[in-house]
């Protein structure tokens, strides 16, 4: 979205600083790498998502989003953690390397 929808974002957030786009694009790429790592059962993929969500939270607050909007990204990490805890003996979390 940050690559192809820059103008639409600018319409909603006209005061968004120029530095925010490359930062958010970089963390979007990091999220893609982390997703691939999770599909390969790597625990660092989860921690990468967590790190990314925390940094993007700070960026979102810095560009002027409301706290409710900014903290929305952390919901994804909570859902991911919950999904990894589903199951009794076949939980995903202990199977991550």
C-alpha atoms as a PDB file:
ATOM      1  CA  UNK A   1       0.000   0.000   0.000  1.00  0.00           C
ATOM      2  CA  UNK A   2       2.807   2.397   0.827  1.00  0.00           C
ATOM      3  CA  UNK A   3       4.398   1.804  -2.584  1.00  0.00           C
ATOM      4  CA  UNK A   4       1.389   2.040  -4.897  1.00  0.00           C
ATOM      5  CA  UNK A   5      -1.072   3.963  -2.725  1.00  0.00           C
ATOM      6  CA  UNK A   6       1.112   6.855  -1.657  1.00  0.00           C
ATOM      7  CA  UNK A   7      -1.227   9.490  -3.087  1.00  0.00           C
ATOM      8  CA  UNK A   8      -4.288   8.021  -1.391  1.00  0.00           C
ATOM      9  CA  UNK A   9      -2.429   8.030   1.911  1.00  0.00           C
ATOM     10  CA  UNK A  10      -1.339  11.631   1.306  1.00  0.00           C
ATOM     11  CA  UNK A  11      -4.975  12.641   0.845  1.00  0.00           C
ATOM     12  CA  UNK A  12      -5.899  11.207   4.244  1.00  0.00           C
ATOM     13  CA  UNK A  13      -2.708  12.309   5.997  1.00  0.00           C
ATOM     14  CA  UNK A  14      -1.460  15.440   4.215  1.00  0.00           C
ATOM     15  CA  UNK A  15       1.078  16.201   6.959  1.00  0.00           C
ATOM     16  CA  UNK A  16       2.723  12.780   6.797  1.00  0.00           C
ATOM     17  CA  UNK A  17       6.489  13.338   6.579  1.00  0.00           C
ATOM     18  CA  UNK A  18       8.382  12.034   3.554  1.00  0.00           C
ATOM     19  CA  UNK A  19      10.696   9.884   5.700  1.00  0.00           C
ATOM     20  CA  UNK A  20       7.773   7.753   6.871  1.00  0.00           C
ATOM     21  CA  UNK A  21       7.156   6.106   3.486  1.00  0.00           C
ATOM     22  CA  UNK A  22      10.576   4.421   3.118  1.00  0.00           C
ATOM     23  CA  UNK A  23      10.529   3.374   6.772  1.00  0.00           C
ATOM     24  CA  UNK A  24       7.078   1.807   6.464  1.00  0.00           C
ATOM     25  CA  UNK A  25       8.013   0.140   3.165  1.00  0.00           C
ATOM     26  CA  UNK A  26      11.119  -1.364   4.774  1.00  0.00           C
ATOM     27  CA  UNK A  27       9.091  -2.768   7.644  1.00  0.00           C
ATOM     28  CA  UNK A  28       6.546  -4.134   5.174  1.00  0.00           C
ATOM     29  CA  UNK A  29       9.384  -6.032   3.491  1.00  0.00           C
ATOM     30  CA  UNK A  30      10.582  -7.207   6.914  1.00  0.00           C
ATOM     31  CA  UNK A  31       7.064  -8.529   7.600  1.00  0.00           C
ATOM     32  CA  UNK A  32       7.184 -10.487   4.343  1.00  0.00           C
ATOM     33  CA  UNK A  33      10.530 -12.023   5.325  1.00  0.00           C
ATOM     34  CA  UNK A  34       9.145 -12.877   8.766  1.00  0.00           C
ATOM     35  CA  UNK A  35       6.073 -14.519   7.240  1.00  0.00           C
ATOM     36  CA  UNK A  36       8.308 -16.721   5.098  1.00  0.00           C
ATOM     37  CA  UNK A  37      10.362 -17.579   8.200  1.00  0.00           C
ATOM     38  CA  UNK A  38       7.214 -18.610  10.072  1.00  0.00           C
ATOM     39  CA  UNK A  39       6.201 -20.867   7.189  1.00  0.00           C
ATOM     40  CA  UNK A  40       9.634 -22.468   7.624  1.00  0.00           C
ATOM     41  CA  UNK A  41       8.954 -22.841  11.372  1.00  0.00           C
ATOM     42  CA  UNK A  42      11.511 -20.262  12.514  1.00  0.00           C
ATOM     43  CA  UNK A  43      10.810 -18.602  15.851  1.00  0.00           C
ATOM     44  CA  UNK A  44      12.708 -15.475  14.829  1.00  0.00           C
ATOM     45  CA  UNK A  45       9.889 -14.821  12.338  1.00  0.00           C
ATOM     46  CA  UNK A  46       7.510 -14.192  15.233  1.00  0.00           C
ATOM     47  CA  UNK A  47      10.021 -11.971  17.019  1.00  0.00           C
ATOM     48  CA  UNK A  48      10.591 -10.089  13.766  1.00  0.00           C
ATOM     49  CA  UNK A  49       6.853  -9.408  13.514  1.00  0.00           C
ATOM     50  CA  UNK A  50       6.854  -8.219  17.111  1.00  0.00           C
ATOM     51  CA  UNK A  51       9.838  -5.914  16.540  1.00  0.00           C
ATOM     52  CA  UNK A  52       8.290  -4.565  13.359  1.00  0.00           C
ATOM     53  CA  UNK A  53       4.942  -3.890  15.039  1.00  0.00           C
ATOM     54  CA  UNK A  54       6.643  -1.969  17.853  1.00  0.00           C
ATOM     55  CA  UNK A  55       8.655   0.225  15.479  1.00  0.00           C
ATOM     56  CA  UNK A  56       5.645   0.842  13.234  1.00  0.00           C
ATOM     57  CA  UNK A  57       3.649   1.798  16.336  1.00  0.00           C
ATOM     58  CA  UNK A  58       6.184   4.535  17.079  1.00  0.00           C
ATOM     59  CA  UNK A  59       6.203   5.682  13.448  1.00  0.00           C
ATOM     60  CA  UNK A  60       2.404   5.777  13.336  1.00  0.00           C
ATOM     61  CA  UNK A  61       2.287   7.909  16.467  1.00  0.00           C
ATOM     62  CA  UNK A  62       4.985  10.188  15.030  1.00  0.00           C
ATOM     63  CA  UNK A  63       3.043  10.769  11.797  1.00  0.00           C
ATOM     64  CA  UNK A  64      -0.060  11.773  13.685  1.00  0.00           C
ATOM     65  CA  UNK A  65      -2.311   8.736  13.814  1.00  0.00           C
ATOM     66  CA  UNK A  66      -4.532   8.420  16.842  1.00  0.00           C
ATOM     67  CA  UNK A  67      -3.358   6.014  19.550  1.00  0.00           C
ATOM     68  CA  UNK A  68      -6.247   3.677  18.719  1.00  0.00           C
ATOM     69  CA  UNK A  69      -5.164   3.503  15.077  1.00  0.00           C
ATOM     70  CA  UNK A  70      -1.491   3.200  15.958  1.00  0.00           C
ATOM     71  CA  UNK A  71      -2.002   0.382  18.466  1.00  0.00           C
ATOM     72  CA  UNK A  72      -4.126  -1.528  15.939  1.00  0.00           C
ATOM     73  CA  UNK A  73      -0.966  -3.080  14.495  1.00  0.00           C
ATOM     74  CA  UNK A  74      -0.251  -4.836  17.764  1.00  0.00           C
ATOM     75  CA  UNK A  75      -3.514  -6.760  17.443  1.00  0.00           C
ATOM     76  CA  UNK A  76      -1.976  -8.761  14.608  1.00  0.00           C
ATOM     77  CA  UNK A  77       0.905  -9.860  16.825  1.00  0.00           C
ATOM     78  CA  UNK A  78      -1.531 -10.894  19.569  1.00  0.00           C
ATOM     79  CA  UNK A  79      -3.607 -12.901  17.076  1.00  0.00           C
ATOM     80  CA  UNK A  80      -0.479 -14.565  15.681  1.00  0.00           C
ATOM     81  CA  UNK A  81       0.654 -15.523  19.185  1.00  0.00           C
ATOM     82  CA  UNK A  82      -2.812 -16.888  19.948  1.00  0.00           C
ATOM     83  CA  UNK A  83      -2.840 -18.978  16.772  1.00  0.00           C
ATOM     84  CA  UNK A  84       0.553 -20.415  17.660  1.00  0.00           C
ATOM     85  CA  UNK A  85      -0.912 -21.506  21.035  1.00  0.00           C
ATOM     86  CA  UNK A  86      -3.867 -23.415  19.548  1.00  0.00           C
ATOM     87  CA  UNK A  87      -3.852 -27.151  20.168  1.00  0.00           C
ATOM     88  CA  UNK A  88      -2.871 -29.323  23.071  1.00  0.00           C
ATOM     89  CA  UNK A  89       0.039 -31.461  21.985  1.00  0.00           C
ATOM     90  CA  UNK A  90       0.421 -29.924  18.530  1.00  0.00           C
ATOM     91  CA  UNK A  91       0.815 -26.272  19.453  1.00  0.00           C
ATOM     92  CA  UNK A  92       2.728 -24.284  16.902  1.00  0.00           C
ATOM     93  CA  UNK A  93       4.907 -22.327  19.332  1.00  0.00           C
ATOM     94  CA  UNK A  94       6.951 -25.298  20.686  1.00  0.00           C
ATOM     95  CA  UNK A  95       7.471 -26.538  17.131  1.00  0.00           C
ATOM     96  CA  UNK A  96       9.204 -23.346  16.042  1.00  0.00           C
ATOM     97  CA  UNK A  97      12.990 -23.625  15.838  1.00  0.00           C
END
